[in-house]
């Protein structure tokens, strides 16, 4: 817990006690958590990453506010969130296409795969697409919603109009069929399940 007797510079150079910063944080920052979580999820962050990012954002916001309370809390918090996402992308040097409109905007050199890697990837994609033809239509739909669109089981259930248990069953059956086809003993399946 921060020392409440310590004073930091506040807005317009005024001194702000740590207890004032804490009260401001609870009153103005924490209510933004739902919107902030949505923002992070929309930027293709996993649930585990969202929790870590929220912690990092809160630490940066709190530390910055100890120096000076912002005039616009929401824009301040979302600017820090955006900057943290950009920092992580630069650090990881992995740029999801949906995160950045232009790779050049980050100043990171894109490494294009060689012709042999492209050929291998196309062949693998063709195998997966052919294998998907042997998966039942509902299982195939569930797998595509999960793996391509990145939806949760709850979101898939809502989209397909079925129970979460049913989604789990469709995913399990579909993945078993795919694994059998792609990694099983026989190269070609004998018939549709």
Protein backbone atom coordinates (compact mmCIF):
# COMPACT_ATOMS: atom_id res chain seq x y z
CA UNK A 1 0.00 0.00 0.00
CA UNK A 2 1.42 3.42 -0.89
CA UNK A 3 2.47 5.81 1.82
CA UNK A 4 -0.48 8.20 2.21
CA UNK A 5 1.62 10.86 3.87
CA UNK A 6 3.79 11.29 0.78
CA UNK A 7 2.84 14.16 -1.49
CA UNK A 8 3.38 14.26 -5.22
CA UNK A 9 2.92 17.05 -7.72
CA UNK A 10 -0.68 17.15 -8.93
CA UNK A 11 -2.50 18.98 -11.73
CA UNK A 12 -1.12 22.44 -12.38
CA UNK A 13 1.80 21.77 -10.05
CA UNK A 14 -0.41 21.34 -6.99
CA UNK A 15 0.56 18.71 -4.43
CA UNK A 16 -1.56 15.56 -4.39
CA UNK A 17 -1.41 13.03 -1.60
CA UNK A 18 -1.18 9.36 -2.42
CA UNK A 19 -4.59 8.87 -0.80
CA UNK A 20 -6.03 11.35 -3.32
CA UNK A 21 -4.45 9.40 -6.18
CA UNK A 22 -5.85 6.17 -4.75
CA UNK A 23 -9.34 7.69 -4.45
CA UNK A 24 -9.11 9.03 -8.02
CA UNK A 25 -7.99 5.61 -9.28
CA UNK A 26 -10.89 3.81 -7.61
CA UNK A 27 -13.43 6.45 -8.63
CA UNK A 28 -12.39 7.08 -12.26
CA UNK A 29 -10.09 4.32 -13.53
CA UNK A 30 -11.58 1.09 -12.19
CA UNK A 31 -15.04 1.77 -13.71
CA UNK A 32 -13.32 1.72 -17.13
CA UNK A 33 -12.27 -1.93 -16.70
CA UNK A 34 -15.08 -3.41 -18.82
CA UNK A 35 -14.42 -1.05 -21.72
CA UNK A 36 -10.68 -1.55 -21.37
CA UNK A 37 -11.08 -5.34 -21.37
CA UNK A 38 -13.21 -5.08 -24.52
CA UNK A 39 -10.56 -2.89 -26.16
CA UNK A 40 -7.84 -5.44 -25.36
CA UNK A 41 -9.98 -8.39 -26.56
CA UNK A 42 -10.73 -6.51 -29.81
CA UNK A 43 -6.99 -6.28 -30.34
CA UNK A 44 -6.74 -10.09 -30.40
CA UNK A 45 -5.44 -10.55 -26.88
CA UNK A 46 -6.07 -13.86 -25.11
CA UNK A 47 -7.83 -13.91 -21.74
CA UNK A 48 -4.56 -14.56 -19.92
CA UNK A 49 -2.87 -11.70 -21.78
CA UNK A 50 -5.79 -9.39 -21.00
CA UNK A 51 -5.36 -9.98 -17.26
CA UNK A 52 -1.61 -9.30 -17.50
CA UNK A 53 -2.13 -6.24 -19.67
CA UNK A 54 -4.73 -4.82 -17.27
CA UNK A 55 -2.23 -5.12 -14.42
CA UNK A 56 0.50 -3.42 -16.46
CA UNK A 57 -1.87 -0.66 -17.54
CA UNK A 58 -3.05 -0.07 -13.98
CA UNK A 59 0.53 0.16 -12.73
CA UNK A 60 1.48 2.67 -15.45
CA UNK A 61 -1.67 4.72 -14.88
CA UNK A 62 -1.19 4.82 -11.11
CA UNK A 63 2.51 5.71 -11.35
CA UNK A 64 1.83 8.47 -13.88
CA UNK A 65 -1.04 9.84 -11.78
CA UNK A 66 1.26 10.13 -8.77
CA UNK A 67 3.10 12.82 -10.70
CA UNK A 68 0.02 14.53 -12.11
CA UNK A 69 -3.66 13.60 -12.28
CA UNK A 70 -4.89 13.70 -15.88
CA UNK A 71 -7.67 16.00 -16.95
CA UNK A 72 -9.32 13.31 -19.10
CA UNK A 73 -9.06 9.94 -17.37
CA UNK A 74 -10.59 7.83 -20.14
CA UNK A 75 -8.33 9.08 -22.93
CA UNK A 76 -5.33 8.89 -20.59
CA UNK A 77 -6.02 5.23 -19.72
CA UNK A 78 -6.72 4.18 -23.30
CA UNK A 79 -3.60 5.97 -24.57
CA UNK A 80 -1.52 4.04 -22.06
CA UNK A 81 -3.26 0.79 -23.13
CA UNK A 82 -2.58 1.52 -26.80
CA UNK A 83 1.07 2.37 -26.13
CA UNK A 84 1.51 -0.80 -24.08
CA UNK A 85 0.10 -2.91 -26.94
CA UNK A 86 2.46 -1.24 -29.41
CA UNK A 87 5.41 -1.80 -27.04
CA UNK A 88 4.55 -5.49 -26.75
CA UNK A 89 4.26 -5.87 -30.51
CA UNK A 90 7.64 -4.24 -31.00
CA UNK A 91 9.18 -6.36 -28.26
CA UNK A 92 7.75 -9.62 -29.58
CA UNK A 93 8.35 -8.63 -33.20
CA UNK A 94 5.20 -10.56 -34.02
CA UNK A 95 2.74 -8.38 -35.84
CA UNK A 96 -0.78 -9.77 -36.15
CA UNK A 97 -2.26 -8.35 -39.34
CA UNK A 98 -5.46 -7.41 -37.55
CA UNK A 99 -3.53 -5.33 -34.98
CA UNK A 100 -1.68 -2.99 -37.31
CA UNK A 101 -2.90 -1.56 -40.57
CA UNK A 102 0.58 -1.09 -41.93
CA UNK A 103 3.72 -2.97 -40.93
CA UNK A 104 5.74 0.03 -42.06
CA UNK A 105 3.99 2.14 -39.40
CA UNK A 106 5.83 0.17 -36.71
CA UNK A 107 9.22 0.37 -38.36
CA UNK A 108 9.65 -3.40 -38.20
CA UNK A 109 11.04 -5.22 -41.22
CA UNK A 110 8.70 -7.91 -42.47
CA UNK A 111 10.36 -11.22 -43.22
CA UNK A 112 8.66 -12.92 -46.15
CA UNK A 113 8.74 -16.71 -46.21
CA UNK A 114 10.82 -18.36 -48.90
CA UNK A 115 9.29 -20.22 -51.84
CA UNK A 116 9.79 -23.62 -50.18
CA UNK A 117 8.04 -22.48 -46.98
CA UNK A 118 5.17 -21.04 -49.03
CA UNK A 119 4.77 -24.32 -50.94
CA UNK A 120 4.78 -26.37 -47.74
CA UNK A 121 2.24 -24.04 -46.12
CA UNK A 122 -0.06 -24.26 -49.15
CA UNK A 123 0.14 -28.04 -49.15
CA UNK A 124 -0.67 -28.18 -45.42
CA UNK A 125 -3.59 -25.81 -45.91
CA UNK A 126 -4.87 -28.00 -48.74
CA UNK A 127 -4.66 -31.09 -46.50
CA UNK A 128 -6.57 -29.34 -43.72
CA UNK A 129 -9.23 -28.08 -46.13
CA UNK A 130 -9.66 -31.57 -47.59
CA UNK A 131 -9.84 -33.08 -44.10
CA UNK A 132 -12.53 -30.57 -43.10
CA UNK A 133 -14.74 -32.06 -45.81
CA UNK A 134 -14.94 -35.24 -43.72
CA UNK A 135 -16.08 -33.44 -40.57
CA UNK A 136 -19.83 -33.13 -39.97
CA UNK A 137 -21.22 -29.71 -40.97
CA UNK A 138 -22.01 -28.62 -37.37
CA UNK A 139 -18.62 -29.75 -36.08
CA UNK A 140 -16.91 -28.03 -39.01
CA UNK A 141 -18.80 -24.81 -38.25
CA UNK A 142 -17.81 -24.99 -34.57
CA UNK A 143 -14.15 -25.63 -35.44
CA UNK A 144 -14.02 -22.73 -37.89
CA UNK A 145 -15.65 -20.37 -35.41
CA UNK A 146 -13.16 -21.43 -32.75
CA UNK A 147 -9.95 -21.65 -34.77
CA UNK A 148 -10.49 -19.05 -37.49
CA UNK A 149 -12.62 -16.44 -35.76
CA UNK A 150 -11.23 -17.10 -32.27
CA UNK A 151 -14.61 -17.26 -30.55
CA UNK A 152 -15.09 -18.77 -27.11
CA UNK A 153 -17.38 -21.76 -26.58
CA UNK A 154 -20.01 -19.44 -25.13
CA UNK A 155 -19.82 -17.17 -28.19
CA UNK A 156 -19.99 -20.18 -30.53
CA UNK A 157 -23.04 -21.50 -28.67
CA UNK A 158 -24.79 -18.16 -29.06
CA UNK A 159 -23.88 -17.90 -32.75
CA UNK A 160 -24.98 -21.48 -33.53
CA UNK A 161 -28.02 -21.39 -31.24
CA UNK A 162 -26.96 -24.45 -29.23
CA UNK A 163 -25.81 -25.23 -25.68
CA UNK A 164 -22.15 -24.87 -24.65
CA UNK A 165 -22.01 -28.62 -23.91
CA UNK A 166 -23.09 -29.29 -27.48
CA UNK A 167 -20.37 -26.95 -28.78
CA UNK A 168 -17.82 -28.83 -26.68
CA UNK A 169 -19.04 -32.13 -28.16
CA UNK A 170 -18.91 -30.77 -31.75
CA UNK A 171 -15.39 -29.44 -31.21
CA UNK A 172 -14.20 -32.69 -29.64
CA UNK A 173 -15.67 -34.89 -32.37
CA UNK A 174 -14.44 -32.63 -35.15
CA UNK A 175 -10.90 -32.44 -33.79
CA UNK A 176 -10.79 -36.23 -33.40
CA UNK A 177 -11.83 -36.69 -37.02
CA UNK A 178 -9.25 -34.14 -38.19
CA UNK A 179 -6.50 -35.70 -36.09
CA UNK A 180 -7.37 -39.14 -37.41
CA UNK A 181 -7.24 -37.92 -41.00
CA UNK A 182 -4.18 -35.69 -40.69
CA UNK A 183 -2.09 -37.79 -38.30
CA UNK A 184 -3.64 -41.25 -38.50
CA UNK A 185 -2.20 -44.35 -40.16
CA UNK A 186 -4.06 -43.99 -43.43
CA UNK A 187 -3.44 -40.99 -45.64
CA UNK A 188 -7.02 -40.96 -46.97
CA UNK A 189 -10.20 -41.49 -44.99
CA UNK A 190 -12.53 -44.22 -46.22
CA UNK A 191 -15.76 -42.27 -45.97
CA UNK A 192 -17.54 -39.45 -44.27
CA UNK A 193 -18.40 -40.03 -40.60
